[in-house]
Amino acid sequence: LYTMLMWNYSLLIRIIHSKKIFFLILIFFVTVVQCAPKKFFSSPSFDGYIYLKSVKNEKYKINALITFNIKNDLLISNFINFKFYSQLISYECGQNTPIIIEELLAEEPFGKGIINGNKHELKKAQNLISSSYPSLFKETCI
């Protein structure tokens, strides 16, 4: 009888631990999903991502953080490999182009490495990614 009770007790402990582990994994997964980017555009030149956690709707305006991984960095600069471009934008549904609040062109993601402040190269990056805006509006405008 004692062995039977001990076996049931150890089984109960395993079940409790497995439930705890399951819930910890679930919490981790939900947290990662909320801050993970969603790809909204892909082309041979670049991939566009939107951070859903950053999308804010204020009356008729939508603010969002979008980032781009530039695949062919020679489209922007002949000297430095700028592979990351991000924009904090504001727009209204039905608008053709968003208002750029803030932008960043960098060598590595999120401003690591060399940051480019040259207006000519920022304009090149804007022109390159402007083809992705219709896909972005489809994602966020209902």
C-alpha atoms as a PDB file:
ATOM      1  CA  LEU A   1       0.000   0.000   0.000  1.00  0.00           C
ATOM      2  CA  TYR A   2       2.828   2.403   0.882  1.00  0.00           C
ATOM      3  CA  THR A   3       4.505   1.879  -2.509  1.00  0.00           C
ATOM      4  CA  MET A   4       1.208   2.454  -4.271  1.00  0.00           C
ATOM      5  CA  LEU A   5       0.679   5.753  -2.451  1.00  0.00           C
ATOM      6  CA  MET A   6       4.254   6.887  -3.158  1.00  0.00           C
ATOM      7  CA  TRP A   7       3.861   6.026  -6.827  1.00  0.00           C
ATOM      8  CA  ASN A   8       0.596   8.019  -7.046  1.00  0.00           C
ATOM      9  CA  TYR A   9       2.220  10.913  -5.192  1.00  0.00           C
ATOM     10  CA  SER A  10       5.187  11.002  -7.583  1.00  0.00           C
ATOM     11  CA  LEU A  11       2.798  10.820 -10.539  1.00  0.00           C
ATOM     12  CA  LEU A  12       0.839  13.746  -9.109  1.00  0.00           C
ATOM     13  CA  ILE A  13       4.049  15.766  -8.691  1.00  0.00           C
ATOM     14  CA  ARG A  14       5.053  15.056 -12.321  1.00  0.00           C
ATOM     15  CA  ILE A  15       1.639  16.189 -13.567  1.00  0.00           C
ATOM     16  CA  ILE A  16       1.845  19.428 -11.564  1.00  0.00           C
ATOM     17  CA  HIS A  17       5.353  20.144 -12.885  1.00  0.00           C
ATOM     18  CA  SER A  18       4.344  19.368 -16.454  1.00  0.00           C
ATOM     19  CA  LYS A  19       1.412  21.816 -16.139  1.00  0.00           C
ATOM     20  CA  LYS A  20       3.749  24.500 -14.778  1.00  0.00           C
ATOM     21  CA  ILE A  21       6.162  23.948 -17.640  1.00  0.00           C
ATOM     22  CA  PHE A  22       3.290  24.052 -20.139  1.00  0.00           C
ATOM     23  CA  PHE A  23       2.050  27.393 -18.762  1.00  0.00           C
ATOM     24  CA  LEU A  24       5.562  28.858 -18.688  1.00  0.00           C
ATOM     25  CA  ILE A  25       6.053  27.909 -22.337  1.00  0.00           C
ATOM     26  CA  LEU A  26       2.627  29.326 -23.188  1.00  0.00           C
ATOM     27  CA  ILE A  27       3.406  32.645 -21.450  1.00  0.00           C
ATOM     28  CA  PHE A  28       6.775  32.860 -23.203  1.00  0.00           C
ATOM     29  CA  PHE A  29       5.173  32.119 -26.594  1.00  0.00           C
ATOM     30  CA  VAL A  30       2.446  34.753 -26.162  1.00  0.00           C
ATOM     31  CA  THR A  31       4.982  37.379 -25.083  1.00  0.00           C
ATOM     32  CA  VAL A  32       7.256  36.676 -28.050  1.00  0.00           C
ATOM     33  CA  VAL A  33       4.359  36.703 -30.511  1.00  0.00           C
ATOM     34  CA  GLN A  34       3.179  40.127 -29.342  1.00  0.00           C
ATOM     35  CA  CYS A  35       6.543  41.802 -29.921  1.00  0.00           C
ATOM     36  CA  ALA A  36       7.560  39.824 -33.015  1.00  0.00           C
ATOM     37  CA  PRO A  37       7.370  41.598 -36.373  1.00  0.00           C
ATOM     38  CA  LYS A  38       4.896  40.538 -39.054  1.00  0.00           C
ATOM     39  CA  LYS A  39       6.115  40.517 -42.642  1.00  0.00           C
ATOM     40  CA  PHE A  40       3.780  42.614 -44.755  1.00  0.00           C
ATOM     41  CA  PHE A  41       5.837  42.931 -47.944  1.00  0.00           C
ATOM     42  CA  SER A  42       8.535  40.960 -49.729  1.00  0.00           C
ATOM     43  CA  SER A  43      10.423  41.713 -52.927  1.00  0.00           C
ATOM     44  CA  PRO A  44      13.829  40.847 -54.392  1.00  0.00           C
ATOM     45  CA  SER A  45      15.161  44.170 -53.044  1.00  0.00           C
ATOM     46  CA  PHE A  46      13.809  44.202 -49.475  1.00  0.00           C
ATOM     47  CA  ASP A  47      11.430  42.704 -46.903  1.00  0.00           C
ATOM     48  CA  GLY A  48       9.020  44.916 -44.928  1.00  0.00           C
ATOM     49  CA  TYR A  49       7.915  44.199 -41.358  1.00  0.00           C
ATOM     50  CA  ILE A  50       5.341  45.829 -39.122  1.00  0.00           C
ATOM     51  CA  TYR A  51       5.437  45.638 -35.340  1.00  0.00           C
ATOM     52  CA  LEU A  52       1.802  45.058 -34.397  1.00  0.00           C
ATOM     53  CA  LYS A  53       2.417  46.129 -30.800  1.00  0.00           C
ATOM     54  CA  SER A  54       3.433  49.584 -32.108  1.00  0.00           C
ATOM     55  CA  VAL A  55       0.265  50.198 -34.150  1.00  0.00           C
ATOM     56  CA  LYS A  56      -1.767  52.937 -32.468  1.00  0.00           C
ATOM     57  CA  ASN A  57      -5.087  54.251 -33.712  1.00  0.00           C
ATOM     58  CA  GLU A  58      -5.930  57.838 -32.720  1.00  0.00           C
ATOM     59  CA  LYS A  59      -9.308  58.835 -34.162  1.00  0.00           C
ATOM     60  CA  TYR A  60      -8.584  58.766 -37.906  1.00  0.00           C
ATOM     61  CA  LYS A  61      -4.781  58.552 -37.775  1.00  0.00           C
ATOM     62  CA  ILE A  62      -2.761  55.379 -37.484  1.00  0.00           C
ATOM     63  CA  ASN A  63       0.808  55.414 -36.139  1.00  0.00           C
ATOM     64  CA  ALA A  64       3.056  52.421 -36.755  1.00  0.00           C
ATOM     65  CA  LEU A  65       6.678  51.323 -36.652  1.00  0.00           C
ATOM     66  CA  ILE A  66       7.811  49.572 -39.820  1.00  0.00           C
ATOM     67  CA  THR A  67      11.241  48.161 -40.594  1.00  0.00           C
ATOM     68  CA  PHE A  68      12.892  46.979 -43.775  1.00  0.00           C
ATOM     69  CA  ASN A  69      15.708  44.522 -44.336  1.00  0.00           C
ATOM     70  CA  ILE A  70      17.404  45.665 -47.514  1.00  0.00           C
ATOM     71  CA  LYS A  71      18.724  42.717 -49.506  1.00  0.00           C
ATOM     72  CA  ASN A  72      20.599  44.636 -52.190  1.00  0.00           C
ATOM     73  CA  ASP A  73      22.375  47.351 -50.220  1.00  0.00           C
ATOM     74  CA  LEU A  74      24.046  48.851 -53.320  1.00  0.00           C
ATOM     75  CA  LEU A  75      20.677  50.382 -54.233  1.00  0.00           C
ATOM     76  CA  ILE A  76      21.264  52.969 -51.492  1.00  0.00           C
ATOM     77  CA  SER A  77      25.012  53.484 -51.038  1.00  0.00           C
ATOM     78  CA  ASN A  78      28.094  52.453 -52.996  1.00  0.00           C
ATOM     79  CA  PHE A  79      30.396  52.596 -49.978  1.00  0.00           C
ATOM     80  CA  ILE A  80      28.691  51.297 -46.839  1.00  0.00           C
ATOM     81  CA  ASN A  81      26.376  48.294 -46.606  1.00  0.00           C
ATOM     82  CA  PHE A  82      23.177  49.804 -45.210  1.00  0.00           C
ATOM     83  CA  LYS A  83      20.870  46.847 -44.655  1.00  0.00           C
ATOM     84  CA  PHE A  84      18.352  48.230 -42.144  1.00  0.00           C
ATOM     85  CA  TYR A  85      15.829  51.014 -42.643  1.00  0.00           C
ATOM     86  CA  SER A  86      13.015  51.866 -40.249  1.00  0.00           C
ATOM     87  CA  GLN A  87      10.246  54.427 -40.171  1.00  0.00           C
ATOM     88  CA  LEU A  88       7.835  55.639 -37.555  1.00  0.00           C
ATOM     89  CA  ILE A  89       4.916  56.745 -39.683  1.00  0.00           C
ATOM     90  CA  SER A  90       1.497  58.321 -39.362  1.00  0.00           C
ATOM     91  CA  TYR A  91      -1.275  58.001 -41.945  1.00  0.00           C
ATOM     92  CA  GLU A  92      -4.992  57.979 -42.514  1.00  0.00           C
ATOM     93  CA  CYS A  93      -6.729  55.159 -44.328  1.00  0.00           C
ATOM     94  CA  GLY A  94      -7.228  56.144 -47.959  1.00  0.00           C
ATOM     95  CA  GLN A  95      -4.007  58.145 -48.019  1.00  0.00           C
ATOM     96  CA  ASN A  96      -1.423  57.209 -50.683  1.00  0.00           C
ATOM     97  CA  THR A  97       1.737  58.010 -48.722  1.00  0.00           C
ATOM     98  CA  PRO A  98       2.274  58.212 -44.975  1.00  0.00           C
ATOM     99  CA  ILE A  99       3.839  61.077 -43.040  1.00  0.00           C
ATOM    100  CA  ILE A 100       7.290  60.031 -41.842  1.00  0.00           C
ATOM    101  CA  ILE A 101       7.725  61.065 -38.209  1.00  0.00           C
ATOM    102  CA  GLU A 102      11.143  59.485 -37.730  1.00  0.00           C
ATOM    103  CA  GLU A 103      13.438  57.341 -39.870  1.00  0.00           C
ATOM    104  CA  LEU A 104      16.691  55.469 -39.475  1.00  0.00           C
ATOM    105  CA  LEU A 105      19.096  54.030 -42.024  1.00  0.00           C
ATOM    106  CA  ALA A 106      21.764  51.861 -40.441  1.00  0.00           C
ATOM    107  CA  GLU A 107      24.308  49.186 -41.167  1.00  0.00           C
ATOM    108  CA  GLU A 108      22.726  46.716 -38.728  1.00  0.00           C
ATOM    109  CA  PRO A 109      19.246  46.311 -37.190  1.00  0.00           C
ATOM    110  CA  PHE A 110      17.915  48.955 -34.814  1.00  0.00           C
ATOM    111  CA  GLY A 111      20.738  51.446 -35.238  1.00  0.00           C
ATOM    112  CA  LYS A 112      23.699  49.224 -34.491  1.00  0.00           C
ATOM    113  CA  GLY A 113      26.802  49.889 -36.557  1.00  0.00           C
ATOM    114  CA  ILE A 114      27.115  52.964 -38.741  1.00  0.00           C
ATOM    115  CA  ILE A 115      24.052  55.229 -38.923  1.00  0.00           C
ATOM    116  CA  ASN A 116      23.466  57.262 -42.058  1.00  0.00           C
ATOM    117  CA  GLY A 117      22.128  60.810 -41.760  1.00  0.00           C
ATOM    118  CA  ASN A 118      22.718  61.789 -45.386  1.00  0.00           C
ATOM    119  CA  LYS A 119      19.427  63.205 -46.740  1.00  0.00           C
ATOM    120  CA  HIS A 120      20.185  62.032 -50.285  1.00  0.00           C
ATOM    121  CA  GLU A 121      20.605  58.395 -49.197  1.00  0.00           C
ATOM    122  CA  LEU A 122      17.554  58.594 -46.900  1.00  0.00           C
ATOM    123  CA  LYS A 123      15.550  59.801 -49.915  1.00  0.00           C
ATOM    124  CA  LYS A 124      16.867  56.834 -51.937  1.00  0.00           C
ATOM    125  CA  ALA A 125      15.703  54.485 -49.174  1.00  0.00           C
ATOM    126  CA  GLN A 126      12.279  56.175 -49.086  1.00  0.00           C
ATOM    127  CA  ASN A 127      11.909  55.791 -52.856  1.00  0.00           C
ATOM    128  CA  LEU A 128      12.994  52.153 -52.685  1.00  0.00           C
ATOM    129  CA  ILE A 129      10.428  51.137 -50.055  1.00  0.00           C
ATOM    130  CA  SER A 130       7.527  53.300 -51.249  1.00  0.00           C
ATOM    131  CA  SER A 131       6.191  50.360 -53.287  1.00  0.00           C
ATOM    132  CA  SER A 132       5.373  48.566 -50.007  1.00  0.00           C
ATOM    133  CA  TYR A 133       2.892  51.153 -48.707  1.00  0.00           C
ATOM    134  CA  PRO A 134      -0.223  49.676 -50.418  1.00  0.00           C
ATOM    135  CA  SER A 135       0.478  46.312 -48.705  1.00  0.00           C
ATOM    136  CA  LEU A 136       0.922  48.100 -45.378  1.00  0.00           C
ATOM    137  CA  PHE A 137      -2.398  49.922 -45.753  1.00  0.00           C
ATOM    138  CA  LYS A 138      -4.136  46.605 -46.488  1.00  0.00           C
ATOM    139  CA  GLU A 139      -2.759  45.193 -43.230  1.00  0.00           C
ATOM    140  CA  THR A 140      -3.838  48.048 -40.980  1.00  0.00           C
ATOM    141  CA  CYS A 141      -6.850  49.742 -42.598  1.00  0.00           C
ATOM    142  CA  ILE A 142     -10.194  48.000 -42.332  1.00  0.00           C
END
